[in-house]
PDB file of all heavy atoms in Angstrom:
ATOM      1  N   LEU A   1     194.920 137.827 195.856  1.00  0.00           N
ATOM      2  CA  LEU A   1     193.534 137.655 195.432  1.00  0.00           C
ATOM      3  C   LEU A   1     192.714 138.876 195.787  1.00  0.00           C
ATOM      4  O   LEU A   1     192.966 139.565 196.772  1.00  0.00           O
ATOM      5  CB  LEU A   1     192.924 136.411 196.096  1.00  0.00           C
ATOM      6  CG  LEU A   1     193.619 135.071 195.796  1.00  0.00           C
ATOM      7  CD1 LEU A   1     192.952 133.958 196.594  1.00  0.00           C
ATOM      8  CD2 LEU A   1     193.574 134.761 194.313  1.00  0.00           C
ATOM      9  N   GLY A   2     191.702 139.139 194.981  1.00  0.00           N
ATOM     10  CA  GLY A   2     190.794 140.246 195.245  1.00  0.00           C
ATOM     11  C   GLY A   2     189.671 140.233 194.235  1.00  0.00           C
ATOM     12  O   GLY A   2     189.686 139.478 193.262  1.00  0.00           O
ATOM     13  N   ALA A   3     188.687 141.088 194.444  1.00  0.00           N
ATOM     14  CA  ALA A   3     187.596 141.221 193.493  1.00  0.00           C
ATOM     15  C   ALA A   3     188.100 141.912 192.235  1.00  0.00           C
ATOM     16  O   ALA A   3     189.058 142.696 192.295  1.00  0.00           O
ATOM     17  CB  ALA A   3     186.466 142.016 194.133  1.00  0.00           C
ATOM     18  N   PRO A   4     187.503 141.655 191.078  1.00  0.00           N
ATOM     19  CA  PRO A   4     187.954 142.306 189.848  1.00  0.00           C
ATOM     20  C   PRO A   4     187.993 143.826 189.973  1.00  0.00           C
ATOM     21  O   PRO A   4     187.033 144.450 190.419  1.00  0.00           O
ATOM     22  CB  PRO A   4     186.905 141.865 188.820  1.00  0.00           C
ATOM     23  CG  PRO A   4     186.438 140.538 189.319  1.00  0.00           C
ATOM     24  CD  PRO A   4     186.432 140.673 190.818  1.00  0.00           C
ATOM     25  N   GLY A   5     189.146 144.415 189.635  1.00  0.00           N
ATOM     26  CA  GLY A   5     189.315 145.860 189.726  1.00  0.00           C
ATOM     27  C   GLY A   5     189.836 146.338 191.065  1.00  0.00           C
ATOM     28  O   GLY A   5     190.200 147.518 191.207  1.00  0.00           O
ATOM     29  N   GLU A   6     189.924 145.472 192.031  1.00  0.00           N
ATOM     30  CA  GLU A   6     190.357 145.878 193.373  1.00  0.00           C
ATOM     31  C   GLU A   6     191.875 146.069 193.422  1.00  0.00           C
ATOM     32  O   GLU A   6     192.638 145.289 192.862  1.00  0.00           O
ATOM     33  CB  GLU A   6     189.955 144.813 194.391  1.00  0.00           C
ATOM     34  CG  GLU A   6     190.325 145.175 195.833  1.00  0.00           C
ATOM     35  CD  GLU A   6     189.919 144.106 196.831  1.00  0.00           C
ATOM     36  OE1 GLU A   6     189.174 143.184 196.442  1.00  0.00           O
ATOM     37  OE2 GLU A   6     190.374 144.194 197.988  1.00  0.00           O
ATOM     38  N   ILE A   7     192.300 147.147 194.068  1.00  0.00           N
ATOM     39  CA  ILE A   7     193.720 147.378 194.290  1.00  0.00           C
ATOM     40  C   ILE A   7     194.174 146.447 195.408  1.00  0.00           C
ATOM     41  O   ILE A   7     193.715 146.546 196.544  1.00  0.00           O
ATOM     42  CB  ILE A   7     194.000 148.846 194.670  1.00  0.00           C
ATOM     43  CG1 ILE A   7     193.602 149.765 193.512  1.00  0.00           C
ATOM     44  CG2 ILE A   7     195.471 149.044 195.018  1.00  0.00           C
ATOM     45  CD1 ILE A   7     193.698 151.246 193.834  1.00  0.00           C
ATOM     46  N   ILE A   8     195.076 145.522 195.067  1.00  0.00           N
ATOM     47  CA  ILE A   8     195.470 144.517 196.048  1.00  0.00           C
ATOM     48  C   ILE A   8     196.905 144.699 196.533  1.00  0.00           C
ATOM     49  O   ILE A   8     197.346 144.024 197.452  1.00  0.00           O
ATOM     50  CB  ILE A   8     195.298 143.087 195.485  1.00  0.00           C
ATOM     51  CG1 ILE A   8     196.043 142.928 194.155  1.00  0.00           C
ATOM     52  CG2 ILE A   8     193.817 142.774 195.314  1.00  0.00           C
ATOM     53  CD1 ILE A   8     195.970 141.521 193.583  1.00  0.00           C
ATOM     54  N   SER A   9     197.639 145.647 195.915  1.00  0.00           N
ATOM     55  CA  SER A   9     198.990 145.938 196.381  1.00  0.00           C
ATOM     56  C   SER A   9     199.424 147.301 195.868  1.00  0.00           C
ATOM     57  O   SER A   9     199.095 147.690 194.744  1.00  0.00           O
ATOM     58  CB  SER A   9     199.976 144.867 195.901  1.00  0.00           C
ATOM     59  OG  SER A   9     201.312 145.230 196.222  1.00  0.00           O
ATOM     60  N   LEU A  10     200.175 148.015 196.721  1.00  0.00           N
ATOM     61  CA  LEU A  10     200.806 149.274 196.334  1.00  0.00           C
ATOM     62  C   LEU A  10     202.312 149.190 196.557  1.00  0.00           C
ATOM     63  O   LEU A  10     202.990 150.211 196.665  1.00  0.00           O
ATOM     64  CB  LEU A  10     200.215 150.437 197.145  1.00  0.00           C
ATOM     65  CG  LEU A  10     198.720 150.710 196.938  1.00  0.00           C
ATOM     66  CD1 LEU A  10     198.232 151.778 197.917  1.00  0.00           C
ATOM     67  CD2 LEU A  10     198.445 151.143 195.497  1.00  0.00           C
ATOM     68  N   ALA A  11     202.818 147.966 196.590  1.00  0.00           N
ATOM     69  CA  ALA A  11     204.241 147.737 196.871  1.00  0.00           C
ATOM     70  C   ALA A  11     205.118 148.354 195.791  1.00  0.00           C
ATOM     71  O   ALA A  11     204.797 148.317 194.598  1.00  0.00           O
ATOM     72  CB  ALA A  11     204.515 146.236 196.980  1.00  0.00           C
ATOM     73  N   ASN A  12     206.232 148.936 196.239  1.00  0.00           N
ATOM     74  CA  ASN A  12     207.247 149.497 195.343  1.00  0.00           C
ATOM     75  C   ASN A  12     206.688 150.579 194.407  1.00  0.00           C
ATOM     76  O   ASN A  12     207.210 150.789 193.304  1.00  0.00           O
ATOM     77  CB  ASN A  12     207.894 148.382 194.506  1.00  0.00           C
ATOM     78  CG  ASN A  12     208.556 147.321 195.362  1.00  0.00           C
ATOM     79  OD1 ASN A  12     209.266 147.648 196.321  1.00  0.00           O
ATOM     80  ND2 ASN A  12     208.311 146.059 195.048  1.00  0.00           N
ATOM     81  N   GLY A  13     205.657 151.258 194.873  1.00  0.00           N
ATOM     82  CA  GLY A  13     205.100 152.349 194.095  1.00  0.00           C
ATOM     83  C   GLY A  13     204.349 151.912 192.853  1.00  0.00           C
ATOM     84  O   GLY A  13     204.130 152.713 191.934  1.00  0.00           O
ATOM     85  N   LYS A  14     203.914 150.666 192.814  1.00  0.00           N
ATOM     86  CA  LYS A  14     203.142 150.138 191.691  1.00  0.00           C
ATOM     87  C   LYS A  14     201.738 149.772 192.173  1.00  0.00           C
ATOM     88  O   LYS A  14     201.551 149.406 193.330  1.00  0.00           O
ATOM     89  CB  LYS A  14     203.797 148.900 191.075  1.00  0.00           C
ATOM     90  CG  LYS A  14     205.289 149.043 190.832  1.00  0.00           C
ATOM     91  CD  LYS A  14     205.626 150.110 189.801  1.00  0.00           C
ATOM     92  CE  LYS A  14     207.122 150.173 189.540  1.00  0.00           C
ATOM     93  NZ  LYS A  14     207.516 151.286 188.646  1.00  0.00           N
ATOM     94  N   ILE A  15     200.776 149.877 191.259  1.00  0.00           N
ATOM     95  CA  ILE A  15     199.383 149.599 191.614  1.00  0.00           C
ATOM     96  C   ILE A  15     198.989 148.261 191.016  1.00  0.00           C
ATOM     97  O   ILE A  15     198.840 148.130 189.794  1.00  0.00           O
ATOM     98  CB  ILE A  15     198.449 150.705 191.091  1.00  0.00           C
ATOM     99  CG1 ILE A  15     198.898 152.077 191.593  1.00  0.00           C
ATOM    100  CG2 ILE A  15     197.007 150.431 191.507  1.00  0.00           C
ATOM    101  CD1 ILE A  15     198.165 153.245 190.941  1.00  0.00           C
ATOM    102  N   THR A  16     198.833 147.259 191.851  1.00  0.00           N
ATOM    103  CA  THR A  16     198.449 145.935 191.376  1.00  0.00           C
ATOM    104  C   THR A  16     196.936 145.788 191.458  1.00  0.00           C
ATOM    105  O   THR A  16     196.332 146.018 192.510  1.00  0.00           O
ATOM    106  CB  THR A  16     199.128 144.830 192.202  1.00  0.00           C
ATOM    107  OG1 THR A  16     200.550 145.007 192.149  1.00  0.00           O
ATOM    108  CG2 THR A  16     198.774 143.454 191.662  1.00  0.00           C
ATOM    109  N   ILE A  17     196.337 145.415 190.339  1.00  0.00           N
ATOM    110  CA  ILE A  17     194.885 145.326 190.211  1.00  0.00           C
ATOM    111  C   ILE A  17     194.477 143.876 189.982  1.00  0.00           C
ATOM    112  O   ILE A  17     194.993 143.215 189.071  1.00  0.00           O
ATOM    113  CB  ILE A  17     194.376 146.179 189.028  1.00  0.00           C
ATOM    114  CG1 ILE A  17     194.916 147.606 189.116  1.00  0.00           C
ATOM    115  CG2 ILE A  17     192.854 146.175 188.964  1.00  0.00           C
ATOM    116  CD1 ILE A  17     194.402 148.393 190.278  1.00  0.00           C
ATOM    117  N   ALA A  18     193.549 143.383 190.783  1.00  0.00           N
ATOM    118  CA  ALA A  18     193.033 142.033 190.588  1.00  0.00           C
ATOM    119  C   ALA A  18     192.156 141.972 189.353  1.00  0.00           C
ATOM    120  O   ALA A  18     191.394 142.895 189.064  1.00  0.00           O
ATOM    121  CB  ALA A  18     192.229 141.605 191.815  1.00  0.00           C
ATOM    122  N   CYS A  19     192.272 140.887 188.620  1.00  0.00           N
ATOM    123  CA  CYS A  19     191.433 140.658 187.446  1.00  0.00           C
ATOM    124  C   CYS A  19     190.592 139.402 187.684  1.00  0.00           C
ATOM    125  O   CYS A  19     190.653 138.799 188.747  1.00  0.00           O
ATOM    126  CB  CYS A  19     192.306 140.489 186.205  1.00  0.00           C
ATOM    127  SG  CYS A  19     193.323 141.942 185.831  1.00  0.00           S
ATOM    128  N   GLY A  20     189.820 139.007 186.695  1.00  0.00           N
ATOM    129  CA  GLY A  20     189.010 137.805 186.840  1.00  0.00           C
ATOM    130  C   GLY A  20     189.862 136.595 187.144  1.00  0.00           C
ATOM    131  O   GLY A  20     189.465 135.690 187.877  1.00  0.00           O
ATOM    132  N   LYS A  21     191.065 136.582 186.562  1.00  0.00           N
ATOM    133  CA  LYS A  21     192.072 135.576 186.866  1.00  0.00           C
ATOM    134  C   LYS A  21     193.416 136.259 186.785  1.00  0.00           C
ATOM    135  O   LYS A  21     193.745 136.870 185.785  1.00  0.00           O
ATOM    136  CB  LYS A  21     191.999 134.417 185.866  1.00  0.00           C
ATOM    137  CG  LYS A  21     193.049 133.343 186.107  1.00  0.00           C
ATOM    138  CD  LYS A  21     192.974 132.251 185.054  1.00  0.00           C
ATOM    139  CE  LYS A  21     194.051 131.196 185.274  1.00  0.00           C
ATOM    140  NZ  LYS A  21     194.021 130.151 184.226  1.00  0.00           N
ATOM    141  N   GLY A  22     194.196 136.195 187.864  1.00  0.00           N
ATOM    142  CA  GLY A  22     195.485 136.859 187.887  1.00  0.00           C
ATOM    143  C   GLY A  22     195.353 138.352 188.137  1.00  0.00           C
ATOM    144  O   GLY A  22     194.305 138.847 188.562  1.00  0.00           O
ATOM    145  N   SER A  23     196.412 139.098 187.854  1.00  0.00           N
ATOM    146  CA  SER A  23     196.406 140.527 188.127  1.00  0.00           C
ATOM    147  C   SER A  23     197.362 141.250 187.186  1.00  0.00           C
ATOM    148  O   SER A  23     198.237 140.642 186.570  1.00  0.00           O
ATOM    149  CB  SER A  23     196.788 140.802 189.590  1.00  0.00           C
ATOM    150  OG  SER A  23     198.018 140.185 189.915  1.00  0.00           O
ATOM    151  N   VAL A  24     197.173 142.561 187.071  1.00  0.00           N
ATOM    152  CA  VAL A  24     198.062 143.404 186.277  1.00  0.00           C
ATOM    153  C   VAL A  24     198.648 144.471 187.184  1.00  0.00           C
ATOM    154  O   VAL A  24     198.063 144.829 188.218  1.00  0.00           O
ATOM    155  CB  VAL A  24     197.328 144.069 185.091  1.00  0.00           C
ATOM    156  CG1 VAL A  24     196.900 143.017 184.067  1.00  0.00           C
ATOM    157  CG2 VAL A  24     196.140 144.893 185.550  1.00  0.00           C
ATOM    158  N   VAL A  25     199.819 144.976 186.795  1.00  0.00           N
ATOM    159  CA  VAL A  25     200.516 145.986 187.576  1.00  0.00           C
ATOM    160  C   VAL A  25     200.563 147.277 186.769  1.00  0.00           C
ATOM    161  O   VAL A  25     201.147 147.309 185.679  1.00  0.00           O
ATOM    162  CB  VAL A  25     201.935 145.528 187.936  1.00  0.00           C
ATOM    163  CG1 VAL A  25     202.644 146.599 188.766  1.00  0.00           C
ATOM    164  CG2 VAL A  25     201.900 144.205 188.690  1.00  0.00           C
ATOM    165  N   ILE A  26     199.962 148.323 187.296  1.00  0.00           N
ATOM    166  CA  ILE A  26     199.933 149.615 186.621  1.00  0.00           C
ATOM    167  C   ILE A  26     201.152 150.424 187.059  1.00  0.00           C
ATOM    168  O   ILE A  26     201.397 150.613 188.249  1.00  0.00           O
ATOM    169  CB  ILE A  26     198.633 150.370 186.944  1.00  0.00           C
ATOM    170  CG1 ILE A  26     197.438 149.590 186.400  1.00  0.00           C
ATOM    171  CG2 ILE A  26     198.658 151.778 186.355  1.00  0.00           C
ATOM    172  CD1 ILE A  26     196.093 150.173 186.786  1.00  0.00           C
ATOM    173  N   GLU A  27     201.905 150.917 186.072  1.00  0.00           N
ATOM    174  CA  GLU A  27     203.150 151.630 186.361  1.00  0.00           C
ATOM    175  C   GLU A  27     203.104 153.106 185.992  1.00  0.00           C
ATOM    176  O   GLU A  27     203.968 153.875 186.407  1.00  0.00           O
ATOM    177  CB  GLU A  27     204.308 150.947 185.633  1.00  0.00           C
ATOM    178  CG  GLU A  27     204.512 149.508 186.066  1.00  0.00           C
ATOM    179  CD  GLU A  27     205.642 148.823 185.329  1.00  0.00           C
ATOM    180  OE1 GLU A  27     205.772 149.038 184.108  1.00  0.00           O
ATOM    181  OE2 GLU A  27     206.399 148.077 185.992  1.00  0.00           O
ATOM    182  N   GLY A  28     202.098 153.500 185.210  1.00  0.00           N
ATOM    183  CA  GLY A  28     201.970 154.900 184.817  1.00  0.00           C
ATOM    184  C   GLY A  28     200.522 155.238 184.535  1.00  0.00           C
ATOM    185  O   GLY A  28     199.770 154.400 184.034  1.00  0.00           O
ATOM    186  N   VAL A  29     200.112 156.466 184.899  1.00  0.00           N
ATOM    187  CA  VAL A  29     198.709 156.849 184.744  1.00  0.00           C
ATOM    188  C   VAL A  29     198.590 158.288 184.248  1.00  0.00           C
ATOM    189  O   VAL A  29     199.525 159.085 184.343  1.00  0.00           O
ATOM    190  CB  VAL A  29     197.930 156.716 186.077  1.00  0.00           C
ATOM    191  CG1 VAL A  29     197.867 155.272 186.534  1.00  0.00           C
ATOM    192  CG2 VAL A  29     198.554 157.602 187.163  1.00  0.00           C
TER     193      VAL A  29
END
């Protein structure tokens, strides 16, 4: 859980971002 847009995990070299409901994992930027 986190505020919308908040980075809530950096596990395994991935950036997990909290959304309004659930989260997405960013793998490339």
